[in-house]
Amino acid sequence: MDVQETVTPAAPPWWRQEDWIAVWLGALFLIAVLLGFRLGLPGFKWSDSSSLAKLLDPSGLGQVGLVFVVYLLVSLPGAMALGAQPSRYCAGFPVVFALAWLSQIAAGNATATYWGIEYVIFALIFGLIVSNLIGAPLWLLDAVRTEYYIKTGLVIMGATILFQEIMTAGALGMMQAVGVVIVVWYFSFWLAKRLRLDDEFAAILSSAVSICGVSAAIATCGAIQGDRRKLSYVASVVLIVAVPMIVLQPWIIRWLNMPDVVGGAWLGGTLDTTGSVVAAGALISETAMKIGTIVKFSQNVLIGFAAFALSIWWTVRQPREGQEKPSARVIWDRFPKFVLGFIVSSLVFSLLIDAATVKATKNLIAGLRTWWFALAFTSIGLETRFTDLLSMEGGRPLAVFLGAQFANLVWTLLLAYLIFGGVFFAPPVL
C-alpha cells in the first residue's frame, strides 16, 4: 500500500507574514500622522434624535465615507498578501466597516456611555446577529480578518502608552496598580487551572480581571495568538459584569463611610473600563473620580509591559508537540512580531517625539486605533455562532471570572486602604 507523504507548505517570507504586515500598516498610520496627515474622524456622541441626526447629516456621513476609503485602500494590499481575493475583499469590507461604524454609533449614546457599555460589545453583537440569523456568505468572509485588524490596532495603540505618563499617573497609583496586577493575575490563573480551563483561556481571563478589562484581553490574546472566540467571550463577560459594579461599588463606599481617596482608588483598581471608573466616581465626589482615574490610568500603562512578558512566557511555555523547550531561534520565530511594533511605537512617541506633537495627535491616534478594534470585534462576531459562546467550557470561564473579580475586589480594597488611606503614606490631596 502506498503511503502518501504529507508535504508541509513552505512558510511565506517574513515580510509577508501577518504580524509583520500589521507592523507595516500600523507604522504607515503613525508616520502619516507625524507628517501632518489629519484624517477627519466622525463623531459618535449623541443623546437624542436631534443630536443623532446631526451625526448622520451629509457632513458626518462624508467623514465616515472618507475613513472607509482610507481603511479599504491601505488594508487591501496586506489582505491580498495574506491570501484574500481582491474582489471578495472589496465586496465584503463595506459590510464589516458598516457594522463597525454602527457599533460606535450605538456606544456613543449618552446612556451607553454612562453605563460604560463600549463599542466592543455592540460590534460583537452586530456581527453575531448577521452570522447567526442571516449567515455570512463566502464573499464576505474574505474581509473577516480578526487578527489582521487587532494586530494593526495594537501597533497603533503603542503610541498612546507613554512611559512619561507612568510618572504622571502618580507613584501611589502605580504602586497599587503593580500590586493588583501581579497578585490578581496569578490568583486568576491558578483558579482557572483549578477549574480545568486551558492555559490560553486562563491567560486571557487573568489579564482582563487584573489589568484593564477588554484592552488587556485584546493585547493578551494577540500576544499569545489566542482563540478569538475566547476573546469575544471574555470581552462580553467583562462589560456585562461592569454594569452592576458601577452601581453597587459607590453604594458600598458610602455604606462603609470610606474616605473619598480610598473609594476612588478601589474603583480605579477594580472597574475594567475608564468610562465606568469615571461614572462610578462621579456618584461619590470629584476627588473619588480623579483618584479612580489616576489608578485606572496606572493599570492601563502596564498593558505594554504585560503583553511583552506574556509573549516571552507563552513561547517558552508552549513548545510544539514532541519538541524540547524552544531555543532562542525558535523563540524568535514564534514570538509575535507585532508586539515589537507596539513597543517601538511606544518608545518613539515617549522618547523621540516632542510633547506638544504627542498631545496634539493623541486623540487622532486613539480614534484610528478604535476603528481597527471595531473592525476586529465585528469580525469575531461574523465568524462565531451563539451556541459557541453559550456552551463554551460548560460555564466554567464565567465562574472563574466571577471568583477572580471577587478576589480582586477584596485585595484591591485592602491595598487602597494601605496605600491611599494614610497607613503607610500621606493621602494625596487633589
Protein backbone atom coordinates (compact mmCIF):
# COMPACT_ATOMS: atom_id res chain seq x y z
CA MET A 1 0.00 0.00 0.00
CA ASP A 2 1.37 3.35 -1.00
CA VAL A 3 1.74 5.86 1.76
CA GLN A 4 1.26 9.44 0.71
CA GLU A 5 3.84 11.76 2.08
CA THR A 6 2.48 14.87 3.73
CA VAL A 7 4.15 17.95 2.40
CA THR A 8 4.19 20.93 4.75
CA PRO A 9 3.64 24.12 2.77
CA ALA A 10 6.56 26.47 2.81
CA ALA A 11 6.18 29.40 5.18
CA PRO A 12 5.79 32.76 3.44
CA PRO A 13 8.76 35.12 3.50
CA TRP A 14 8.98 37.06 6.77
CA TRP A 15 7.79 40.33 5.25
CA ARG A 16 4.53 38.67 4.11
CA GLN A 17 3.65 37.20 7.50
CA GLU A 18 0.59 38.65 9.23
CA ASP A 19 2.50 40.04 12.22
CA TRP A 20 4.91 41.98 10.05
CA ILE A 21 2.14 43.21 7.74
CA ALA A 22 0.36 44.58 10.82
CA VAL A 23 3.58 46.32 11.87
CA TRP A 24 3.99 47.91 8.42
CA LEU A 25 0.38 49.03 8.34
CA GLY A 26 0.39 50.42 11.88
CA ALA A 27 3.67 52.22 11.18
CA LEU A 28 2.17 53.70 7.99
CA PHE A 29 -0.66 55.26 10.00
CA LEU A 30 1.65 56.66 12.67
CA ILE A 31 4.14 58.05 10.15
CA ALA A 32 1.30 59.69 8.24
CA VAL A 33 0.08 61.36 11.44
CA LEU A 34 3.58 62.62 12.27
CA LEU A 35 3.94 64.00 8.73
CA GLY A 36 0.82 66.10 9.26
CA PHE A 37 -1.89 63.91 7.74
CA ARG A 38 -5.09 64.59 9.65
CA LEU A 39 -7.94 62.23 8.83
CA GLY A 40 -11.19 63.83 9.94
CA LEU A 41 -12.76 61.19 12.16
CA PRO A 42 -16.54 61.29 12.60
CA GLY A 43 -18.11 61.98 15.97
CA PHE A 44 -20.24 59.44 17.84
CA LYS A 45 -21.63 61.23 20.92
CA TRP A 46 -25.39 61.70 20.96
CA SER A 47 -28.23 61.80 23.46
CA ASP A 48 -31.46 62.29 21.50
CA SER A 49 -32.86 62.10 17.97
CA SER A 50 -31.72 65.60 17.04
CA SER A 51 -28.09 65.01 18.07
CA LEU A 52 -28.17 61.64 16.30
CA ALA A 53 -29.50 63.30 13.14
CA LYS A 54 -26.57 65.70 13.29
CA LEU A 55 -24.14 62.76 13.24
CA LEU A 56 -25.92 61.40 10.18
CA ASP A 57 -26.08 64.62 8.18
CA PRO A 58 -24.13 64.88 4.87
CA SER A 59 -21.08 66.32 6.62
CA GLY A 60 -20.90 63.48 9.15
CA LEU A 61 -21.53 60.80 6.54
CA GLY A 62 -18.87 62.38 4.34
CA GLN A 63 -16.30 61.89 7.12
CA VAL A 64 -17.39 58.27 7.51
CA GLY A 65 -17.03 57.75 3.76
CA LEU A 66 -13.50 59.16 3.78
CA VAL A 67 -12.48 56.89 6.66
CA PHE A 68 -13.95 53.92 4.76
CA VAL A 69 -11.97 54.70 1.61
CA VAL A 70 -8.71 55.13 3.53
CA TYR A 71 -9.08 51.93 5.53
CA LEU A 72 -10.08 49.90 2.47
CA LEU A 73 -7.19 51.14 0.34
CA VAL A 74 -4.49 50.74 2.97
CA SER A 75 -5.69 47.33 4.20
CA LEU A 76 -6.23 45.76 0.77
CA PRO A 77 -2.56 45.09 -0.14
CA GLY A 78 -1.94 43.35 3.19
CA ALA A 79 -5.11 41.29 2.88
CA MET A 80 -4.06 40.21 -0.62
CA ALA A 81 -0.64 39.20 0.71
CA LEU A 82 -2.46 37.05 3.27
CA GLY A 83 -4.45 35.30 0.54
CA ALA A 84 -7.61 37.36 0.18
CA GLN A 85 -9.18 37.66 -3.26
CA PRO A 86 -9.31 41.39 -4.10
CA SER A 87 -12.86 41.25 -5.47
CA ARG A 88 -14.23 39.42 -2.44
CA TYR A 89 -12.33 41.64 -0.01
CA CYS A 90 -13.64 44.80 -1.68
CA ALA A 91 -17.18 43.36 -1.62
CA GLY A 92 -17.05 42.22 2.00
CA PHE A 93 -15.14 45.08 3.62
CA PRO A 94 -18.03 47.59 3.30
CA VAL A 95 -20.24 45.25 5.34
CA VAL A 96 -17.64 44.78 8.08
CA PHE A 97 -16.96 48.52 8.10
CA ALA A 98 -20.66 49.44 8.27
CA LEU A 99 -21.22 47.17 11.28
CA ALA A 100 -18.12 48.59 12.98
CA TRP A 101 -19.45 52.12 12.37
CA LEU A 102 -22.90 51.24 13.74
CA SER A 103 -21.29 49.76 16.85
CA GLN A 104 -19.57 53.06 17.59
CA ILE A 105 -22.81 54.96 16.96
CA ALA A 106 -24.63 52.69 19.44
CA ALA A 107 -21.89 53.09 22.06
CA GLY A 108 -21.90 56.86 21.57
CA ASN A 109 -25.39 57.16 23.06
CA ALA A 110 -25.39 59.01 26.39
CA THR A 111 -26.98 56.09 28.24
CA ALA A 112 -24.47 53.55 26.90
CA THR A 113 -21.62 55.93 27.77
CA TYR A 114 -22.92 56.40 31.32
CA TRP A 115 -23.08 52.67 31.93
CA GLY A 116 -19.66 52.07 30.37
CA ILE A 117 -21.03 49.88 27.55
CA GLU A 118 -18.33 50.19 24.91
CA TYR A 119 -18.38 49.77 21.14
CA VAL A 120 -16.70 46.38 21.57
CA ILE A 121 -19.84 44.69 22.84
CA PHE A 122 -22.02 46.27 20.12
CA ALA A 123 -19.57 45.23 17.40
CA LEU A 124 -19.65 41.68 18.70
CA ILE A 125 -23.46 41.64 18.92
CA PHE A 126 -24.00 43.06 15.42
CA GLY A 127 -21.57 40.54 13.96
CA LEU A 128 -23.25 37.69 15.83
CA ILE A 129 -26.68 38.77 14.57
CA VAL A 130 -25.51 38.66 10.96
CA SER A 131 -23.66 35.36 11.27
CA ASN A 132 -26.39 33.57 13.22
CA LEU A 133 -29.61 34.99 11.77
CA ILE A 134 -28.60 35.76 8.19
CA GLY A 135 -25.39 33.85 7.63
CA ALA A 136 -22.05 35.14 6.42
CA PRO A 137 -21.56 34.34 2.71
CA LEU A 138 -18.18 33.35 1.33
CA TRP A 139 -17.63 36.69 -0.39
CA LEU A 140 -17.95 38.40 3.00
CA LEU A 141 -15.58 36.08 4.86
CA ASP A 142 -12.56 37.27 2.87
CA ALA A 143 -12.91 40.61 4.69
CA VAL A 144 -13.41 38.97 8.09
CA ARG A 145 -9.81 39.15 9.31
CA THR A 146 -9.83 39.49 13.06
CA GLU A 147 -6.14 39.06 13.82
CA TYR A 148 -5.05 41.34 10.96
CA TYR A 149 -7.23 44.15 12.33
CA ILE A 150 -6.40 43.57 16.02
CA LYS A 151 -2.65 43.43 15.49
CA THR A 152 -2.66 46.61 13.40
CA GLY A 153 -4.69 48.36 16.09
CA LEU A 154 -2.28 47.22 18.80
CA VAL A 155 0.74 48.60 16.94
CA ILE A 156 -1.05 51.96 16.73
CA MET A 157 -2.11 51.67 20.37
CA GLY A 158 1.56 51.62 21.40
CA ALA A 159 1.82 55.30 20.52
CA THR A 160 -0.78 56.12 23.20
CA ILE A 161 1.00 54.23 26.03
CA LEU A 162 3.76 56.64 27.02
CA PHE A 163 6.50 56.00 29.54
CA GLN A 164 6.42 59.61 30.78
CA GLU A 165 2.80 59.13 31.74
CA ILE A 166 3.76 56.40 34.20
CA MET A 167 5.15 59.20 36.37
CA THR A 168 2.18 61.43 35.63
CA ALA A 169 -0.12 58.70 36.89
CA GLY A 170 1.44 59.06 40.31
CA ALA A 171 3.72 56.89 42.39
CA LEU A 172 0.90 55.73 44.67
CA GLY A 173 -1.33 54.84 41.74
CA MET A 174 1.46 52.86 40.10
CA MET A 175 2.27 51.11 43.37
CA GLN A 176 -1.32 49.94 43.75
CA ALA A 177 -1.55 49.00 40.06
CA VAL A 178 1.53 46.76 40.24
CA GLY A 179 0.26 45.11 43.43
CA VAL A 180 -3.15 44.45 41.89
CA VAL A 181 -1.87 43.17 38.55
CA ILE A 182 0.68 40.72 39.96
CA VAL A 183 -1.43 39.20 42.74
CA VAL A 184 -4.78 39.14 40.95
CA TRP A 185 -3.30 37.80 37.70
CA TYR A 186 -1.66 34.84 39.41
CA PHE A 187 -4.72 34.12 41.55
CA SER A 188 -6.97 34.22 38.47
CA PHE A 189 -4.65 31.93 36.54
CA TRP A 190 -4.49 29.50 39.47
CA LEU A 191 -8.28 29.48 39.81
CA ALA A 192 -8.73 28.93 36.08
CA LYS A 193 -6.41 25.93 36.15
CA ARG A 194 -8.24 24.51 39.19
CA LEU A 195 -11.47 24.70 37.17
CA ARG A 196 -9.76 22.95 34.23
CA LEU A 197 -9.52 25.84 31.79
CA ASP A 198 -6.66 25.68 29.30
CA ASP A 199 -3.66 28.00 29.57
CA GLU A 200 -4.91 30.19 26.74
CA PHE A 201 -8.30 30.88 28.32
CA ALA A 202 -6.69 31.29 31.74
CA ALA A 203 -4.23 33.92 30.47
CA ILE A 204 -6.86 36.00 28.66
CA LEU A 205 -9.24 35.91 31.64
CA SER A 206 -6.49 36.73 34.11
CA SER A 207 -5.31 39.76 32.14
CA ALA A 208 -8.86 41.06 31.76
CA VAL A 209 -9.56 40.84 35.50
CA SER A 210 -6.21 42.12 36.74
CA ILE A 211 -5.10 44.80 34.27
CA CYS A 212 -7.80 46.73 32.48
CA GLY A 213 -10.58 44.64 31.05
CA VAL A 214 -11.16 44.43 27.31
CA SER A 215 -7.98 46.25 26.24
CA ALA A 216 -5.82 43.86 28.27
CA ALA A 217 -7.74 40.87 26.93
CA ILE A 218 -7.15 42.06 23.36
CA ALA A 219 -3.43 42.58 23.97
CA THR A 220 -3.07 39.20 25.69
CA CYS A 221 -4.97 37.30 23.01
CA GLY A 222 -2.72 38.84 20.37
CA ALA A 223 0.45 38.23 22.35
CA ILE A 224 -0.27 34.51 22.85
CA GLN A 225 -2.03 34.10 19.47
CA GLY A 226 -5.16 33.00 21.27
CA ASP A 227 -8.59 31.78 20.16
CA ARG A 228 -10.78 34.69 19.02
CA ARG A 229 -13.92 33.02 20.40
CA LYS A 230 -12.39 33.02 23.86
CA LEU A 231 -11.54 36.70 23.46
CA SER A 232 -15.13 37.53 22.49
CA TYR A 233 -16.42 35.57 25.47
CA VAL A 234 -14.12 37.39 27.90
CA ALA A 235 -14.96 40.79 26.42
CA SER A 236 -18.67 40.12 26.78
CA VAL A 237 -18.33 38.99 30.41
CA VAL A 238 -16.13 41.98 31.32
CA LEU A 239 -18.61 44.51 30.00
CA ILE A 240 -21.69 42.77 31.42
CA VAL A 241 -20.22 42.41 34.92
CA ALA A 242 -19.06 46.06 34.91
CA VAL A 243 -22.65 47.37 34.76
CA PRO A 244 -23.87 46.28 38.23
CA MET A 245 -20.48 47.13 39.73
CA ILE A 246 -20.87 50.77 38.66
CA VAL A 247 -23.97 50.98 40.87
CA LEU A 248 -23.02 48.66 43.74
CA GLN A 249 -19.49 49.86 44.47
CA PRO A 250 -20.41 53.53 45.11
CA TRP A 251 -23.23 52.29 47.36
CA ILE A 252 -20.77 50.11 49.32
CA ILE A 253 -18.32 53.03 49.58
CA ARG A 254 -20.99 55.23 51.12
CA TRP A 255 -22.31 52.43 53.36
CA LEU A 256 -18.80 51.77 54.77
CA ASN A 257 -18.14 55.51 55.01
CA MET A 258 -14.86 55.16 53.12
CA PRO A 259 -12.66 58.21 52.58
CA ASP A 260 -13.10 59.54 49.06
CA VAL A 261 -9.48 58.86 48.11
CA VAL A 262 -9.73 55.23 49.25
CA GLY A 263 -13.06 54.74 47.50
CA GLY A 264 -11.71 56.24 44.30
CA ALA A 265 -8.60 54.04 44.42
CA TRP A 266 -10.81 50.99 44.91
CA LEU A 267 -12.95 51.89 41.92
CA GLY A 268 -9.91 52.54 39.72
CA GLY A 269 -8.36 49.19 40.58
CA THR A 270 -11.46 47.05 40.08
CA LEU A 271 -13.68 48.53 37.37
CA ASP A 272 -12.44 47.41 33.98
CA THR A 273 -13.00 50.48 31.82
CA THR A 274 -12.01 54.11 32.30
CA GLY A 275 -15.54 55.19 31.43
CA SER A 276 -17.05 53.05 34.19
CA VAL A 277 -14.50 54.41 36.70
CA VAL A 278 -15.46 57.98 35.83
CA ALA A 279 -19.18 57.19 36.03
CA ALA A 280 -18.92 55.44 39.41
CA GLY A 281 -16.51 58.02 40.83
CA ALA A 282 -18.84 60.85 39.85
CA LEU A 283 -21.53 59.25 42.04
CA ILE A 284 -19.28 59.84 45.06
CA SER A 285 -17.25 63.04 44.61
CA GLU A 286 -14.84 64.88 42.34
CA THR A 287 -11.92 63.61 44.43
CA ALA A 288 -13.03 59.99 44.12
CA MET A 289 -13.40 60.39 40.38
CA LYS A 290 -9.90 61.90 40.00
CA ILE A 291 -8.18 59.31 42.19
CA GLY A 292 -10.03 56.49 40.42
CA THR A 293 -8.96 57.81 37.03
CA ILE A 294 -5.31 58.06 38.13
CA VAL A 295 -5.30 54.47 39.41
CA LYS A 296 -7.07 53.18 36.29
CA PHE A 297 -4.59 55.00 34.10
CA SER A 298 -1.73 53.48 36.10
CA GLN A 299 -3.03 50.00 35.24
CA ASN A 300 -3.56 50.96 31.61
CA VAL A 301 0.09 51.87 31.13
CA LEU A 302 1.08 48.36 32.21
CA ILE A 303 -0.54 46.82 29.11
CA GLY A 304 2.63 47.03 27.03
CA PHE A 305 4.84 45.51 29.71
CA ALA A 306 2.31 42.73 30.29
CA ALA A 307 1.96 41.93 26.58
CA PHE A 308 5.72 41.69 26.15
CA ALA A 309 6.16 39.49 29.24
CA LEU A 310 3.28 37.22 28.20
CA SER A 311 4.74 36.84 24.70
CA ILE A 312 8.04 35.59 26.09
CA TRP A 313 6.34 33.38 28.67
CA TRP A 314 3.99 31.85 26.12
CA THR A 315 6.62 30.94 23.55
CA VAL A 316 8.72 29.25 26.23
CA ARG A 317 5.78 27.59 27.99
CA GLN A 318 4.15 26.19 24.86
CA PRO A 319 6.73 24.13 22.93
CA ARG A 320 5.37 22.30 19.94
CA GLU A 321 4.42 18.67 20.46
CA GLY A 322 7.42 16.40 20.54
CA GLN A 323 9.90 19.25 20.94
CA GLU A 324 12.04 20.32 23.82
CA LYS A 325 11.83 23.79 25.28
CA PRO A 326 12.43 26.17 22.38
CA SER A 327 15.83 27.61 21.61
CA ALA A 328 16.48 31.33 21.18
CA ARG A 329 15.96 30.94 17.42
CA VAL A 330 12.64 29.15 17.87
CA ILE A 331 11.51 31.78 20.39
CA TRP A 332 12.27 34.49 17.82
CA ASP A 333 10.44 32.63 15.06
CA ARG A 334 7.34 32.12 17.19
CA PHE A 335 7.42 35.44 19.03
CA PRO A 336 4.53 37.71 17.87
CA LYS A 337 6.34 40.44 15.97
CA PHE A 338 3.50 42.94 16.26
CA VAL A 339 4.40 43.21 19.98
CA LEU A 340 7.74 44.63 18.87
CA GLY A 341 5.82 47.15 16.76
CA PHE A 342 3.78 48.05 19.84
CA ILE A 343 6.93 48.61 21.91
CA VAL A 344 8.74 50.59 19.21
CA SER A 345 5.68 52.82 18.77
CA SER A 346 5.62 53.49 22.49
CA LEU A 347 9.36 54.22 22.63
CA VAL A 348 9.27 56.56 19.63
CA PHE A 349 6.34 58.59 20.97
CA SER A 350 7.76 58.55 24.50
CA LEU A 351 11.36 59.49 23.76
CA LEU A 352 11.74 60.90 20.25
CA ILE A 353 8.61 62.97 19.60
CA ASP A 354 8.17 66.31 21.32
CA ALA A 355 5.45 66.54 23.94
CA ALA A 356 3.41 69.11 22.03
CA THR A 357 3.11 66.85 18.99
CA VAL A 358 2.25 63.85 21.15
CA LYS A 359 -0.51 65.81 22.88
CA ALA A 360 -1.86 67.20 19.61
CA THR A 361 -2.06 63.79 17.95
CA LYS A 362 -3.18 61.63 20.89
CA ASN A 363 -6.93 61.80 20.22
CA LEU A 364 -6.49 61.17 16.50
CA ILE A 365 -4.27 58.14 17.09
CA ALA A 366 -6.72 56.78 19.67
CA GLY A 367 -9.54 57.19 17.14
CA LEU A 368 -7.58 55.39 14.42
CA ARG A 369 -6.89 52.53 16.83
CA THR A 370 -10.56 52.32 17.80
CA TRP A 371 -11.60 51.82 14.17
CA TRP A 372 -9.24 48.85 13.84
CA PHE A 373 -10.55 47.29 17.05
CA ALA A 374 -14.16 47.84 15.95
CA LEU A 375 -13.40 46.04 12.67
CA ALA A 376 -11.78 43.22 14.65
CA PHE A 377 -14.67 42.62 17.04
CA THR A 378 -17.19 42.83 14.24
CA SER A 379 -15.15 40.12 12.52
CA ILE A 380 -15.20 37.97 15.65
CA GLY A 381 -18.99 38.17 15.70
CA LEU A 382 -19.23 37.37 11.99
CA GLU A 383 -17.29 34.13 12.40
CA THR A 384 -18.83 32.98 15.70
CA ARG A 385 -22.03 31.07 16.47
CA PHE A 386 -24.18 31.94 19.50
CA THR A 387 -24.00 28.33 20.60
CA ASP A 388 -20.19 28.55 20.70
CA LEU A 389 -20.37 31.32 23.30
CA LEU A 390 -23.25 29.96 25.37
CA SER A 391 -21.84 26.45 25.66
CA MET A 392 -18.17 27.31 25.96
CA GLU A 393 -16.44 25.20 28.62
CA GLY A 394 -19.72 24.47 30.44
CA GLY A 395 -19.88 27.83 32.21
CA ARG A 396 -16.51 27.41 33.95
CA PRO A 397 -14.97 30.60 32.46
CA LEU A 398 -17.79 32.67 33.97
CA ALA A 399 -17.22 31.03 37.35
CA VAL A 400 -13.50 31.82 37.10
CA PHE A 401 -14.16 35.43 36.15
CA LEU A 402 -16.63 36.00 38.99
CA GLY A 403 -14.37 34.30 41.54
CA ALA A 404 -11.33 36.25 40.39
CA GLN A 405 -13.28 39.50 40.34
CA PHE A 406 -14.43 38.92 43.92
CA ALA A 407 -10.82 38.31 44.99
CA ASN A 408 -9.86 41.45 43.06
CA LEU A 409 -12.44 43.49 44.98
CA VAL A 410 -11.17 42.28 48.36
CA TRP A 411 -7.44 42.54 47.61
CA THR A 412 -7.70 45.92 45.89
CA LEU A 413 -9.75 47.36 48.77
CA LEU A 414 -7.01 46.29 51.19
CA LEU A 415 -4.33 47.88 49.00
CA ALA A 416 -6.38 51.06 48.62
CA TYR A 417 -6.57 51.44 52.41
CA LEU A 418 -2.87 50.69 52.89
CA ILE A 419 -1.63 52.97 50.11
CA PHE A 420 -4.21 55.77 49.96
CA GLY A 421 -5.72 55.58 53.45
CA GLY A 422 -2.81 57.13 55.34
CA VAL A 423 -1.45 53.86 56.77
CA PHE A 424 1.96 53.98 55.09
CA PHE A 425 1.78 57.21 53.06
CA ALA A 426 0.15 60.58 53.42
CA PRO A 427 -3.16 60.60 51.50
CA PRO A 428 -2.88 62.62 48.28
CA VAL A 429 -4.65 65.96 48.17
CA LEU A 430 -6.33 66.84 44.85
